[in-house]
C-alpha atoms as a PDB file:
ATOM      1  CA  MET A   1    -107.211  52.930 -28.548  1.00  0.00           C
ATOM      2  CA  TYR A   2    -104.883  55.064 -26.447  1.00  0.00           C
ATOM      3  CA  GLU A   3    -104.154  52.246 -23.962  1.00  0.00           C
ATOM      4  CA  TYR A   4    -103.361  49.878 -26.809  1.00  0.00           C
ATOM      5  CA  GLU A   5    -100.837  52.358 -28.260  1.00  0.00           C
ATOM      6  CA  ILE A   6     -99.157  52.702 -24.856  1.00  0.00           C
ATOM      7  CA  TYR A   7     -99.047  48.902 -24.581  1.00  0.00           C
ATOM      8  CA  ARG A   8     -97.469  48.563 -28.046  1.00  0.00           C
ATOM      9  CA  THR A   9     -94.891  51.280 -27.313  1.00  0.00           C
ATOM     10  CA  ALA A  10     -93.936  49.730 -23.966  1.00  0.00           C
ATOM     11  CA  SER A  11     -93.765  46.281 -25.526  1.00  0.00           C
ATOM     12  CA  ALA A  12     -91.503  47.509 -28.327  1.00  0.00           C
ATOM     13  CA  GLU A  13     -89.232  49.222 -25.798  1.00  0.00           C
ATOM     14  CA  LEU A  14     -88.921  46.047 -23.731  1.00  0.00           C
ATOM     15  CA  ILE A  15     -88.074  44.061 -26.848  1.00  0.00           C
ATOM     16  CA  ARG A  16     -85.378  46.607 -27.778  1.00  0.00           C
ATOM     17  CA  ARG A  17     -83.891  46.425 -24.277  1.00  0.00           C
ATOM     18  CA  ALA A  18     -83.858  42.626 -24.343  1.00  0.00           C
ATOM     19  CA  ASP A  19     -82.116  42.647 -27.721  1.00  0.00           C
ATOM     20  CA  ALA A  20     -79.509  45.092 -26.433  1.00  0.00           C
ATOM     21  CA  GLU A  21     -78.827  42.961 -23.360  1.00  0.00           C
ATOM     22  CA  ARG A  22     -78.513  39.867 -25.540  1.00  0.00           C
ATOM     23  CA  GLU A  23     -75.984  41.641 -27.762  1.00  0.00           C
ATOM     24  CA  LEU A  24     -73.964  42.687 -24.709  1.00  0.00           C
ATOM     25  CA  GLY A  25     -73.929  39.100 -23.507  1.00  0.00           C
ATOM     26  CA  ARG A  26     -72.720  37.893 -26.900  1.00  0.00           C
ATOM     27  CA  ALA A  27     -69.977  40.527 -26.938  1.00  0.00           C
ATOM     28  CA  ARG A  28     -68.813  39.546 -23.443  1.00  0.00           C
ATOM     29  CA  THR A  29     -68.762  35.875 -24.404  1.00  0.00           C
ATOM     30  CA  ALA A  30     -66.752  36.641 -27.539  1.00  0.00           C
ATOM     31  CA  ARG A  31     -64.209  38.713 -25.575  1.00  0.00           C
ATOM     32  CA  ARG A  32     -63.806  35.942 -22.996  1.00  0.00           C
ATOM     33  CA  ALA A  33     -63.323  33.361 -25.723  1.00  0.00           C
ATOM     34  CA  ALA A  34     -60.703  35.537 -27.411  1.00  0.00           C
ATOM     35  CA  ARG A  35     -58.806  35.917 -24.137  1.00  0.00           C
ATOM     36  CA  ARG A  36     -58.940  32.180 -23.465  1.00  0.00           C
ATOM     37  CA  THR A  37     -57.482  31.270 -26.856  1.00  0.00           C
ATOM     38  CA  GLY A  38     -54.623  33.736 -26.332  1.00  0.00           C
ATOM     39  CA  ARG A  39     -53.536  32.108 -23.089  1.00  0.00           C
ATOM     40  CA  HIS A  40     -52.084  29.092 -24.851  1.00  0.00           C
ATOM     41  CA  ASP A  41     -50.026  31.192 -27.223  1.00  0.00           C
ATOM     42  CA  PRO A  42     -46.319  30.399 -26.662  1.00  0.00           C
ATOM     43  CA  GLU A  43     -45.370  33.949 -27.654  1.00  0.00           C
ATOM     44  CA  GLY A  44     -47.998  35.681 -25.531  1.00  0.00           C
ATOM     45  CA  ARG A  45     -47.445  38.449 -23.018  1.00  0.00           C
ATOM     46  CA  VAL A  46     -45.166  37.775 -20.071  1.00  0.00           C
ATOM     47  CA  ARG A  47     -46.799  38.398 -16.718  1.00  0.00           C
ATOM     48  CA  GLU A  48     -44.805  40.111 -13.990  1.00  0.00           C
ATOM     49  CA  ASP A  49     -44.933  37.113 -11.632  1.00  0.00           C
ATOM     50  CA  ASP A  50     -43.392  34.882 -14.351  1.00  0.00           C
ATOM     51  CA  ARG A  51     -40.337  37.124 -14.611  1.00  0.00           C
ATOM     52  CA  VAL A  52     -39.273  36.711 -10.999  1.00  0.00           C
ATOM     53  CA  ARG A  53     -39.478  32.935 -11.101  1.00  0.00           C
ATOM     54  CA  PHE A  54     -36.154  32.549 -12.948  1.00  0.00           C
ATOM     55  CA  ALA A  55     -32.688  33.714 -11.943  1.00  0.00           C
ATOM     56  CA  PRO A  56     -31.153  36.493 -14.039  1.00  0.00           C
ATOM     57  CA  ALA A  57     -28.726  35.473 -16.769  1.00  0.00           C
ATOM     58  CA  ALA A  58     -25.019  35.779 -15.934  1.00  0.00           C
END
């Protein structure tokens, strides 16, 4: 019976780890998707390299 309990405990731990890794993957995917949708925003942040492309106003 002792070996079976160890097996069940180890199995439960592996399932918990897999669930945690899956959640991390979902969170990363959601963050990437949020960043991608913000790139097409006309009033988004101005990057430093975009500022030097135009001449200063007179």
